Amino acid sequence: MARTRIRSIVVADIAYRWTVGLAGPGHVKVKLWRDGPEPGGALEVVVTFDDPWLNYGPIITAPADRVSEVFELSPIAPALVAKVVRQALEAGWQAHHSGTTRFRLTRDRERLEPSP
């Protein structure tokens, strides 16, 4: 199994760390937390992502004009993570409080929804 890479990002002058891991077929989980010596709460966001390596056959056999309708192939980039942090903060996530807050990013990647 591959080692998880921890990345850094700064949003609104606050440093965060984040990772991406599998969350099941067709989904990944982005986990974020505030960087620094003070422990705080984590944010977990499930995002639709169809790994092109795992879906190579179906992707190349799908009609070219429908691939983007059927598969979500855009990777999890820092711009998306920054957007998720801003939306989570607006939705009430408090990075300095303990506990884990969970959301699901809609398929169009435009908004967060509560996740069980």
Protein backbone atom coordinates (compact mmCIF):
# COMPACT_ATOMS: atom_id res chain seq x y z
CA MET A 1 0.00 0.00 0.00
CA ALA A 2 1.27 3.45 -0.90
CA ARG A 3 2.33 5.86 1.79
CA THR A 4 -0.07 8.74 2.40
CA ARG A 5 1.35 12.09 1.41
CA ILE A 6 0.60 14.96 3.77
CA ARG A 7 0.28 18.28 1.99
CA SER A 8 0.14 21.86 3.28
CA ILE A 9 -2.17 24.69 2.30
CA VAL A 10 -2.86 28.19 3.62
CA VAL A 11 -6.43 29.52 3.50
CA ALA A 12 -7.27 32.98 4.89
CA ASP A 13 -3.81 33.18 6.51
CA ILE A 14 -4.32 29.91 8.44
CA ALA A 15 -2.12 26.89 7.71
CA TYR A 16 -3.74 23.50 7.25
CA ARG A 17 -2.49 20.01 6.44
CA TRP A 18 -4.41 17.62 4.20
CA THR A 19 -4.34 14.12 2.75
CA VAL A 20 -6.34 12.18 0.19
CA GLY A 21 -7.28 8.53 0.68
CA LEU A 22 -9.70 5.99 -0.72
CA ALA A 23 -13.28 6.07 0.53
CA GLY A 24 -14.75 3.30 -1.60
CA PRO A 25 -15.43 2.74 -5.29
CA GLY A 26 -15.68 6.04 -7.12
CA HIS A 27 -14.87 8.18 -4.07
CA VAL A 28 -11.91 9.57 -2.18
CA LYS A 29 -11.77 11.17 1.26
CA VAL A 30 -9.99 14.47 1.80
CA LYS A 31 -8.93 14.87 5.43
CA LEU A 32 -7.90 18.31 6.70
CA TRP A 33 -6.72 19.69 10.00
CA ARG A 34 -5.20 22.90 11.27
CA ASP A 35 -1.41 22.88 11.25
CA GLY A 36 0.41 23.72 14.44
CA PRO A 37 1.11 22.54 17.97
CA GLU A 38 -2.49 22.91 19.18
CA PRO A 39 -4.62 19.84 18.53
CA GLY A 40 -7.89 20.57 16.84
CA GLY A 41 -10.71 18.98 14.95
CA ALA A 42 -10.45 17.25 11.63
CA LEU A 43 -12.55 17.79 8.54
CA GLU A 44 -13.34 14.78 6.35
CA VAL A 45 -14.92 15.37 2.96
CA VAL A 46 -15.96 12.57 0.60
CA VAL A 47 -15.43 13.55 -3.04
CA THR A 48 -16.48 11.73 -6.21
CA PHE A 49 -13.42 10.61 -8.18
CA ASP A 50 -13.16 7.80 -10.72
CA ASP A 51 -9.54 6.68 -10.79
CA PRO A 52 -8.55 6.51 -14.48
CA TRP A 53 -6.22 3.57 -13.82
CA LEU A 54 -8.96 1.52 -12.20
CA ASN A 55 -11.56 2.52 -14.80
CA TYR A 56 -9.36 2.45 -17.90
CA GLY A 57 -11.48 -0.08 -19.81
CA PRO A 58 -14.84 1.58 -19.22
CA ILE A 59 -13.39 5.03 -19.91
CA ILE A 60 -11.88 4.15 -23.30
CA THR A 61 -14.98 2.24 -24.41
CA ALA A 62 -17.42 4.98 -23.39
CA PRO A 63 -18.59 7.39 -26.09
CA ALA A 64 -16.07 10.25 -26.09
CA ASP A 65 -18.75 12.91 -25.75
CA ARG A 66 -20.19 11.21 -22.63
CA VAL A 67 -17.03 10.44 -20.63
CA SER A 68 -17.29 13.65 -18.60
CA GLU A 69 -20.97 12.92 -17.85
CA VAL A 70 -20.28 9.42 -16.57
CA PHE A 71 -16.85 9.72 -14.93
CA GLU A 72 -15.35 12.31 -12.58
CA LEU A 73 -11.70 12.39 -13.61
CA SER A 74 -10.60 15.77 -12.23
CA PRO A 75 -7.97 15.23 -9.51
CA ILE A 76 -8.14 16.71 -6.04
CA ALA A 77 -6.13 19.90 -6.49
CA PRO A 78 -5.14 22.58 -3.94
CA ALA A 79 -7.69 25.01 -5.40
CA LEU A 80 -10.48 22.53 -4.64
CA VAL A 81 -9.14 21.92 -1.13
CA ALA A 82 -9.06 25.68 -0.44
CA LYS A 83 -12.65 25.95 -1.67
CA VAL A 84 -13.67 23.06 0.61
CA VAL A 85 -12.01 24.72 3.62
CA ARG A 86 -13.81 28.02 2.97
CA GLN A 87 -17.18 26.29 2.54
CA ALA A 88 -16.67 24.13 5.64
CA LEU A 89 -15.83 27.19 7.73
CA GLU A 90 -18.97 28.92 6.41
CA ALA A 91 -20.96 25.77 7.31
CA GLY A 92 -19.73 25.90 10.90
CA TRP A 93 -16.59 23.75 10.99
CA GLN A 94 -14.36 24.92 13.82
CA ALA A 95 -10.84 23.70 13.17
CA HIS A 96 -9.68 24.59 16.68
CA HIS A 97 -12.30 22.38 18.42
CA SER A 98 -11.73 18.66 18.85
CA GLY A 99 -13.76 16.08 16.98
CA THR A 100 -14.27 15.24 13.34
CA THR A 101 -16.70 17.06 11.07
CA ARG A 102 -17.85 15.15 7.99
CA PHE A 103 -19.22 16.46 4.70
CA ARG A 104 -19.81 15.19 1.21
CA LEU A 105 -18.95 17.36 -1.79
CA THR A 106 -21.69 17.31 -4.42
CA ARG A 107 -20.88 15.62 -7.74
CA ASP A 108 -20.61 19.00 -9.46
CA ARG A 109 -18.10 19.97 -6.73
CA GLU A 110 -19.98 23.17 -5.97
CA ARG A 111 -21.23 22.69 -2.40
CA LEU A 112 -20.82 20.66 0.77
CA GLU A 113 -23.59 18.55 2.24
CA PRO A 114 -23.66 16.96 5.70
CA SER A 115 -22.43 13.39 5.78
CA PRO A 116 -23.22 10.77 8.45
